[in-house]
Amino acid sequence: MKIEVLGPGCPKCHDTFGKVRQVLDEVKLEAELVKITDVFEIIDKGISITPALIVEGEVKFQGRVPSIADIRNLLLEAKG
């Protein structure tokens, strides 16, 4: 599974990345976790407001920091 956290490096973006890492460790899920900070790459992915979270190429959250519960539910659902 590929998970992308998009944002220029603001505190909310770091918070989102940290929460995703925490949930991955918590549920023992192996995934490729990528932080994308390049503004042009963010725009190319169709993101207009950060932080954003993309799982397997699909935008799941944009413009807010998701909760631990939101991330856990999202990743467990994506895992199948």
PDB file of N, CA and C in Angstrom:
ATOM      1  N   MET A   1       0.843  -1.165   0.000  1.00  0.00           N
ATOM      2  CA  MET A   1       0.000   0.000   0.000  1.00  0.00           C
ATOM      3  C   MET A   1       0.893   1.234   0.000  1.00  0.00           C
ATOM      4  N   LYS A   2       0.527   2.223  -0.804  1.00  0.00           N
ATOM      5  CA  LYS A   2       1.274   3.478  -0.865  1.00  0.00           C
ATOM      6  C   LYS A   2       0.434   4.584  -0.238  1.00  0.00           C
ATOM      7  N   ILE A   3       1.032   5.289   0.712  1.00  0.00           N
ATOM      8  CA  ILE A   3       0.376   6.383   1.411  1.00  0.00           C
ATOM      9  C   ILE A   3       1.228   7.627   1.211  1.00  0.00           C
ATOM     10  N   GLU A   4       0.580   8.709   0.770  1.00  0.00           N
ATOM     11  CA  GLU A   4       1.288   9.964   0.550  1.00  0.00           C
ATOM     12  C   GLU A   4       0.693  11.052   1.432  1.00  0.00           C
ATOM     13  N   VAL A   5       1.563  11.757   2.143  1.00  0.00           N
ATOM     14  CA  VAL A   5       1.160  12.923   2.920  1.00  0.00           C
ATOM     15  C   VAL A   5       1.720  14.124   2.184  1.00  0.00           C
ATOM     16  N   LEU A   6       0.835  15.038   1.801  1.00  0.00           N
ATOM     17  CA  LEU A   6       1.239  16.183   1.001  1.00  0.00           C
ATOM     18  C   LEU A   6       1.113  17.470   1.790  1.00  0.00           C
ATOM     19  N   GLY A   7       2.164  18.275   1.720  1.00  0.00           N
ATOM     20  CA  GLY A   7       2.161  19.572   2.372  1.00  0.00           C
ATOM     21  C   GLY A   7       3.559  20.156   2.343  1.00  0.00           C
ATOM     22  N   PRO A   8       3.645  21.484   2.455  1.00  0.00           N
ATOM     23  CA  PRO A   8       4.931  22.157   2.316  1.00  0.00           C
ATOM     24  C   PRO A   8       5.861  22.023   3.520  1.00  0.00           C
ATOM     25  N   GLY A   9       5.413  21.395   4.573  1.00  0.00           N
ATOM     26  CA  GLY A   9       6.263  21.240   5.751  1.00  0.00           C
ATOM     27  C   GLY A   9       5.739  21.993   6.962  1.00  0.00           C
ATOM     28  N   CYS A  10       4.495  22.403   6.927  1.00  0.00           N
ATOM     29  CA  CYS A  10       3.881  23.132   8.034  1.00  0.00           C
ATOM     30  C   CYS A  10       3.620  22.187   9.216  1.00  0.00           C
ATOM     31  N   PRO A  11       3.340  22.731  10.390  1.00  0.00           N
ATOM     32  CA  PRO A  11       3.058  21.881  11.552  1.00  0.00           C
ATOM     33  C   PRO A  11       1.910  20.891  11.328  1.00  0.00           C
ATOM     34  N   LYS A  12       0.862  21.313  10.622  1.00  0.00           N
ATOM     35  CA  LYS A  12      -0.266  20.400  10.365  1.00  0.00           C
ATOM     36  C   LYS A  12       0.159  19.231   9.476  1.00  0.00           C
ATOM     37  N   CYS A  13       1.050  19.500   8.535  1.00  0.00           N
ATOM     38  CA  CYS A  13       1.546  18.445   7.648  1.00  0.00           C
ATOM     39  C   CYS A  13       2.400  17.449   8.438  1.00  0.00           C
ATOM     40  N   HIS A  14       3.252  17.961   9.310  1.00  0.00           N
ATOM     41  CA  HIS A  14       4.072  17.085  10.159  1.00  0.00           C
ATOM     42  C   HIS A  14       3.192  16.265  11.088  1.00  0.00           C
ATOM     43  N   ASP A  15       2.136  16.892  11.616  1.00  0.00           N
ATOM     44  CA  ASP A  15       1.203  16.199  12.508  1.00  0.00           C
ATOM     45  C   ASP A  15       0.515  15.056  11.766  1.00  0.00           C
ATOM     46  N   THR A  16       0.070  15.328  10.550  1.00  0.00           N
ATOM     47  CA  THR A  16      -0.592  14.293   9.749  1.00  0.00           C
ATOM     48  C   THR A  16       0.362  13.130   9.495  1.00  0.00           C
ATOM     49  N   PHE A  17       1.594  13.433   9.089  1.00  0.00           N
ATOM     50  CA  PHE A  17       2.583  12.386   8.824  1.00  0.00           C
ATOM     51  C   PHE A  17       2.823  11.553  10.087  1.00  0.00           C
ATOM     52  N   GLY A  18       2.978  12.215  11.220  1.00  0.00           N
ATOM     53  CA  GLY A  18       3.218  11.512  12.479  1.00  0.00           C
ATOM     54  C   GLY A  18       2.061  10.610  12.873  1.00  0.00           C
ATOM     55  N   LYS A  19       0.846  11.087  12.666  1.00  0.00           N
ATOM     56  CA  LYS A  19      -0.332  10.267  12.992  1.00  0.00           C
ATOM     57  C   LYS A  19      -0.411   9.038  12.097  1.00  0.00           C
ATOM     58  N   VAL A  20      -0.118   9.208  10.820  1.00  0.00           N
ATOM     59  CA  VAL A  20      -0.135   8.056   9.910  1.00  0.00           C
ATOM     60  C   VAL A  20       0.916   7.037  10.339  1.00  0.00           C
ATOM     61  N   ARG A  21       2.126   7.499  10.642  1.00  0.00           N
ATOM     62  CA  ARG A  21       3.204   6.604  11.094  1.00  0.00           C
ATOM     63  C   ARG A  21       2.770   5.873  12.366  1.00  0.00           C
ATOM     64  N   GLN A  22       2.141   6.591  13.308  1.00  0.00           N
ATOM     65  CA  GLN A  22       1.678   5.993  14.560  1.00  0.00           C
ATOM     66  C   GLN A  22       0.670   4.879  14.300  1.00  0.00           C
ATOM     67  N   VAL A  23      -0.285   5.148  13.425  1.00  0.00           N
ATOM     68  CA  VAL A  23      -1.311   4.137  13.124  1.00  0.00           C
ATOM     69  C   VAL A  23      -0.690   2.933  12.424  1.00  0.00           C
ATOM     70  N   LEU A  24       0.221   3.172  11.497  1.00  0.00           N
ATOM     71  CA  LEU A  24       0.887   2.051  10.813  1.00  0.00           C
ATOM     72  C   LEU A  24       1.596   1.153  11.826  1.00  0.00           C
ATOM     73  N   ASP A  25       2.289   1.762  12.784  1.00  0.00           N
ATOM     74  CA  ASP A  25       2.978   0.990  13.821  1.00  0.00           C
ATOM     75  C   ASP A  25       1.979   0.264  14.717  1.00  0.00           C
ATOM     76  N   GLU A  26       0.908   0.953  15.066  1.00  0.00           N
ATOM     77  CA  GLU A  26      -0.118   0.419  15.958  1.00  0.00           C
ATOM     78  C   GLU A  26      -0.797  -0.823  15.387  1.00  0.00           C
ATOM     79  N   VAL A  27      -1.163  -0.761  14.120  1.00  0.00           N
ATOM     80  CA  VAL A  27      -1.908  -1.873  13.516  1.00  0.00           C
ATOM     81  C   VAL A  27      -0.991  -2.842  12.771  1.00  0.00           C
ATOM     82  N   LYS A  28       0.330  -2.620  12.897  1.00  0.00           N
ATOM     83  CA  LYS A  28       1.330  -3.509  12.282  1.00  0.00           C
ATOM     84  C   LYS A  28       1.102  -3.664  10.784  1.00  0.00           C
ATOM     85  N   LEU A  29       0.880  -2.530  10.126  1.00  0.00           N
ATOM     86  CA  LEU A  29       0.615  -2.529   8.693  1.00  0.00           C
ATOM     87  C   LEU A  29       1.847  -2.045   7.950  1.00  0.00           C
ATOM     88  N   GLU A  30       2.289  -2.826   6.972  1.00  0.00           N
ATOM     89  CA  GLU A  30       3.429  -2.446   6.130  1.00  0.00           C
ATOM     90  C   GLU A  30       2.903  -1.579   4.989  1.00  0.00           C
ATOM     91  N   ALA A  31       3.532  -0.431   4.790  1.00  0.00           N
ATOM     92  CA  ALA A  31       3.123   0.464   3.714  1.00  0.00           C
ATOM     93  C   ALA A  31       4.304   1.335   3.326  1.00  0.00           C
ATOM     94  N   GLU A  32       4.237   1.836   2.114  1.00  0.00           N
ATOM     95  CA  GLU A  32       5.219   2.818   1.658  1.00  0.00           C
ATOM     96  C   GLU A  32       4.649   4.187   2.022  1.00  0.00           C
ATOM     97  N   LEU A  33       5.262   4.849   2.994  1.00  0.00           N
ATOM     98  CA  LEU A  33       4.805   6.157   3.450  1.00  0.00           C
ATOM     99  C   LEU A  33       5.727   7.223   2.880  1.00  0.00           C
ATOM    100  N   VAL A  34       5.146   8.141   2.100  1.00  0.00           N
ATOM    101  CA  VAL A  34       5.915   9.159   1.397  1.00  0.00           C
ATOM    102  C   VAL A  34       5.420  10.540   1.816  1.00  0.00           C
ATOM    103  N   LYS A  35       6.371  11.443   2.061  1.00  0.00           N
ATOM    104  CA  LYS A  35       6.030  12.834   2.355  1.00  0.00           C
ATOM    105  C   LYS A  35       6.360  13.649   1.111  1.00  0.00           C
ATOM    106  N   ILE A  36       5.378  14.352   0.585  1.00  0.00           N
ATOM    107  CA  ILE A  36       5.576  15.173  -0.610  1.00  0.00           C
ATOM    108  C   ILE A  36       5.466  16.636  -0.205  1.00  0.00           C
ATOM    109  N   THR A  37       6.577  17.376  -0.379  1.00  0.00           N
ATOM    110  CA  THR A  37       6.617  18.781   0.015  1.00  0.00           C
ATOM    111  C   THR A  37       6.753  19.729  -1.169  1.00  0.00           C
ATOM    112  N   ASP A  38       7.045  19.196  -2.346  1.00  0.00           N
ATOM    113  CA  ASP A  38       7.221  20.027  -3.529  1.00  0.00           C
ATOM    114  C   ASP A  38       5.869  20.586  -3.985  1.00  0.00           C
ATOM    115  N   VAL A  39       5.756  21.906  -4.002  1.00  0.00           N
ATOM    116  CA  VAL A  39       4.488  22.561  -4.322  1.00  0.00           C
ATOM    117  C   VAL A  39       3.975  22.162  -5.707  1.00  0.00           C
ATOM    118  N   PHE A  40       4.863  22.057  -6.684  1.00  0.00           N
ATOM    119  CA  PHE A  40       4.435  21.709  -8.045  1.00  0.00           C
ATOM    120  C   PHE A  40       3.916  20.271  -8.108  1.00  0.00           C
ATOM    121  N   GLU A  41       4.539  19.371  -7.374  1.00  0.00           N
ATOM    122  CA  GLU A  41       4.062  17.985  -7.330  1.00  0.00           C
ATOM    123  C   GLU A  41       2.703  17.909  -6.622  1.00  0.00           C
ATOM    124  N   ILE A  42       2.542  18.711  -5.574  1.00  0.00           N
ATOM    125  CA  ILE A  42       1.264  18.752  -4.857  1.00  0.00           C
ATOM    126  C   ILE A  42       0.158  19.223  -5.801  1.00  0.00           C
ATOM    127  N   ILE A  43       0.425  20.287  -6.531  1.00  0.00           N
ATOM    128  CA  ILE A  43      -0.552  20.823  -7.486  1.00  0.00           C
ATOM    129  C   ILE A  43      -0.849  19.813  -8.584  1.00  0.00           C
ATOM    130  N   ASP A  44       0.185  19.125  -9.080  1.00  0.00           N
ATOM    131  CA  ASP A  44       0.000  18.115 -10.132  1.00  0.00           C
ATOM    132  C   ASP A  44      -0.920  16.981  -9.674  1.00  0.00           C
ATOM    133  N   LYS A  45      -0.967  16.736  -8.372  1.00  0.00           N
ATOM    134  CA  LYS A  45      -1.835  15.680  -7.844  1.00  0.00           C
ATOM    135  C   LYS A  45      -3.256  16.187  -7.580  1.00  0.00           C
ATOM    136  N   GLY A  46      -3.520  17.445  -7.938  1.00  0.00           N
ATOM    137  CA  GLY A  46      -4.859  17.994  -7.809  1.00  0.00           C
ATOM    138  C   GLY A  46      -5.197  18.518  -6.422  1.00  0.00           C
ATOM    139  N   ILE A  47      -4.180  18.724  -5.602  1.00  0.00           N
ATOM    140  CA  ILE A  47      -4.402  19.192  -4.235  1.00  0.00           C
ATOM    141  C   ILE A  47      -4.342  20.717  -4.224  1.00  0.00           C
ATOM    142  N   SER A  48      -5.371  21.341  -3.653  1.00  0.00           N
ATOM    143  CA  SER A  48      -5.400  22.798  -3.595  1.00  0.00           C
ATOM    144  C   SER A  48      -5.202  23.326  -2.177  1.00  0.00           C
ATOM    145  N   ILE A  49      -5.369  22.464  -1.180  1.00  0.00           N
ATOM    146  CA  ILE A  49      -5.174  22.885   0.203  1.00  0.00           C
ATOM    147  C   ILE A  49      -4.561  21.732   0.993  1.00  0.00           C
ATOM    148  N   THR A  50      -3.591  22.055   1.834  1.00  0.00           N
ATOM    149  CA  THR A  50      -2.884  21.025   2.586  1.00  0.00           C
ATOM    150  C   THR A  50      -3.185  21.187   4.071  1.00  0.00           C
ATOM    151  N   PRO A  51      -2.939  20.162   4.850  1.00  0.00           N
ATOM    152  CA  PRO A  51      -2.347  18.883   4.474  1.00  0.00           C
ATOM    153  C   PRO A  51      -3.347  18.023   3.700  1.00  0.00           C
ATOM    154  N   ALA A  52      -2.805  17.080   2.970  1.00  0.00           N
ATOM    155  CA  ALA A  52      -3.636  16.130   2.239  1.00  0.00           C
ATOM    156  C   ALA A  52      -3.071  14.730   2.439  1.00  0.00           C
ATOM    157  N   LEU A  53      -3.957  13.759   2.370  1.00  0.00           N
ATOM    158  CA  LEU A  53      -3.577  12.359   2.529  1.00  0.00           C
ATOM    159  C   LEU A  53      -4.124  11.576   1.348  1.00  0.00           C
ATOM    160  N   ILE A  54      -3.229  10.896   0.647  1.00  0.00           N
ATOM    161  CA  ILE A  54      -3.600  10.076  -0.510  1.00  0.00           C
ATOM    162  C   ILE A  54      -3.228   8.637  -0.196  1.00  0.00           C
ATOM    163  N   VAL A  55      -4.179   7.739  -0.389  1.00  0.00           N
ATOM    164  CA  VAL A  55      -3.944   6.314  -0.182  1.00  0.00           C
ATOM    165  C   VAL A  55      -4.218   5.598  -1.494  1.00  0.00           C
ATOM    166  N   GLU A  56      -3.206   4.887  -1.975  1.00  0.00           N
ATOM    167  CA  GLU A  56      -3.326   4.148  -3.236  1.00  0.00           C
ATOM    168  C   GLU A  56      -3.847   5.038  -4.367  1.00  0.00           C
ATOM    169  N   GLY A  57      -3.349   6.277  -4.426  1.00  0.00           N
ATOM    170  CA  GLY A  57      -3.687   7.186  -5.520  1.00  0.00           C
ATOM    171  C   GLY A  57      -4.995   7.937  -5.359  1.00  0.00           C
ATOM    172  N   GLU A  58      -5.726   7.698  -4.266  1.00  0.00           N
ATOM    173  CA  GLU A  58      -7.022   8.341  -4.057  1.00  0.00           C
ATOM    174  C   GLU A  58      -6.929   9.340  -2.895  1.00  0.00           C
ATOM    175  N   VAL A  59      -7.346  10.579  -3.150  1.00  0.00           N
ATOM    176  CA  VAL A  59      -7.331  11.606  -2.104  1.00  0.00           C
ATOM    177  C   VAL A  59      -8.377  11.246  -1.055  1.00  0.00           C
ATOM    178  N   LYS A  60      -7.921  11.111   0.191  1.00  0.00           N
ATOM    179  CA  LYS A  60      -8.819  10.732   1.284  1.00  0.00           C
ATOM    180  C   LYS A  60      -9.129  11.904   2.203  1.00  0.00           C
ATOM    181  N   PHE A  61      -8.153  12.775   2.436  1.00  0.00           N
ATOM    182  CA  PHE A  61      -8.342  13.961   3.264  1.00  0.00           C
ATOM    183  C   PHE A  61      -7.600  15.111   2.617  1.00  0.00           C
ATOM    184  N   GLN A  62      -8.189  16.308   2.761  1.00  0.00           N
ATOM    185  CA  GLN A  62      -7.552  17.494   2.203  1.00  0.00           C
ATOM    186  C   GLN A  62      -7.981  18.703   3.039  1.00  0.00           C
ATOM    187  N   GLY A  63      -6.998  19.490   3.475  1.00  0.00           N
ATOM    188  CA  GLY A  63      -7.307  20.721   4.170  1.00  0.00           C
ATOM    189  C   GLY A  63      -7.524  20.600   5.664  1.00  0.00           C
ATOM    190  N   ARG A  64      -7.310  19.411   6.212  1.00  0.00           N
ATOM    191  CA  ARG A  64      -7.438  19.230   7.657  1.00  0.00           C
ATOM    192  C   ARG A  64      -6.584  18.055   8.097  1.00  0.00           C
ATOM    193  N   VAL A  65      -6.272  18.056   9.384  1.00  0.00           N
ATOM    194  CA  VAL A  65      -5.508  16.951   9.955  1.00  0.00           C
ATOM    195  C   VAL A  65      -6.519  15.891  10.392  1.00  0.00           C
ATOM    196  N   PRO A  66      -6.469  14.709   9.788  1.00  0.00           N
ATOM    197  CA  PRO A  66      -7.406  13.665  10.201  1.00  0.00           C
ATOM    198  C   PRO A  66      -7.068  13.152  11.599  1.00  0.00           C
ATOM    199  N   SER A  67      -8.075  12.653  12.287  1.00  0.00           N
ATOM    200  CA  SER A  67      -7.852  12.095  13.615  1.00  0.00           C
ATOM    201  C   SER A  67      -7.189  10.727  13.503  1.00  0.00           C
ATOM    202  N   ILE A  68      -6.651  10.266  14.611  1.00  0.00           N
ATOM    203  CA  ILE A  68      -6.074   8.922  14.663  1.00  0.00           C
ATOM    204  C   ILE A  68      -7.140   7.894  14.267  1.00  0.00           C
ATOM    205  N   ALA A  69      -8.348   8.059  14.790  1.00  0.00           N
ATOM    206  CA  ALA A  69      -9.436   7.116  14.480  1.00  0.00           C
ATOM    207  C   ALA A  69      -9.768   7.135  12.990  1.00  0.00           C
ATOM    208  N   ASP A  70      -9.822   8.331  12.390  1.00  0.00           N
ATOM    209  CA  ASP A  70     -10.093   8.431  10.944  1.00  0.00           C
ATOM    210  C   ASP A  70      -9.028   7.697  10.147  1.00  0.00           C
ATOM    211  N   ILE A  71      -7.767   7.907  10.507  1.00  0.00           N
ATOM    212  CA  ILE A  71      -6.664   7.274   9.789  1.00  0.00           C
ATOM    213  C   ILE A  71      -6.711   5.756   9.985  1.00  0.00           C
ATOM    214  N   ARG A  72      -6.928   5.304  11.216  1.00  0.00           N
ATOM    215  CA  ARG A  72      -6.990   3.882  11.496  1.00  0.00           C
ATOM    216  C   ARG A  72      -8.092   3.215  10.664  1.00  0.00           C
ATOM    217  N   ASN A  73      -9.292   3.800  10.685  1.00  0.00           N
ATOM    218  CA  ASN A  73     -10.393   3.232   9.920  1.00  0.00           C
ATOM    219  C   ASN A  73     -10.100   3.208   8.424  1.00  0.00           C
ATOM    220  N   LEU A  74      -9.515   4.280   7.931  1.00  0.00           N
ATOM    221  CA  LEU A  74      -9.173   4.378   6.515  1.00  0.00           C
ATOM    222  C   LEU A  74      -8.172   3.308   6.105  1.00  0.00           C
ATOM    223  N   LEU A  75      -7.111   3.149   6.894  1.00  0.00           N
ATOM    224  CA  LEU A  75      -6.066   2.194   6.531  1.00  0.00           C
ATOM    225  C   LEU A  75      -6.526   0.739   6.696  1.00  0.00           C
ATOM    226  N   LEU A  76      -7.312   0.480   7.714  1.00  0.00           N
ATOM    227  CA  LEU A  76      -7.815  -0.893   7.886  1.00  0.00           C
ATOM    228  C   LEU A  76      -8.787  -1.244   6.757  1.00  0.00           C
ATOM    229  N   GLU A  77      -9.582  -0.268   6.335  1.00  0.00           N
ATOM    230  CA  GLU A  77     -10.486  -0.489   5.208  1.00  0.00           C
ATOM    231  C   GLU A  77      -9.703  -0.726   3.917  1.00  0.00           C
ATOM    232  N   ALA A  78      -8.661   0.077   3.703  1.00  0.00           N
ATOM    233  CA  ALA A  78      -7.847  -0.060   2.502  1.00  0.00           C
ATOM    234  C   ALA A  78      -7.093  -1.387   2.486  1.00  0.00           C
ATOM    235  N   LYS A  79      -6.730  -1.851   3.666  1.00  0.00           N
ATOM    236  CA  LYS A  79      -6.020  -3.133   3.780  1.00  0.00           C
ATOM    237  C   LYS A  79      -6.916  -4.301   3.364  1.00  0.00           C
ATOM    238  N   GLY A  80      -8.212  -4.147   3.653  1.00  0.00           N
ATOM    239  CA  GLY A  80      -9.175  -5.175   3.259  1.00  0.00           C
ATOM    240  C   GLY A  80      -9.374  -6.204   4.247  1.00  0.00           C
TER     241      GLY A  80
END
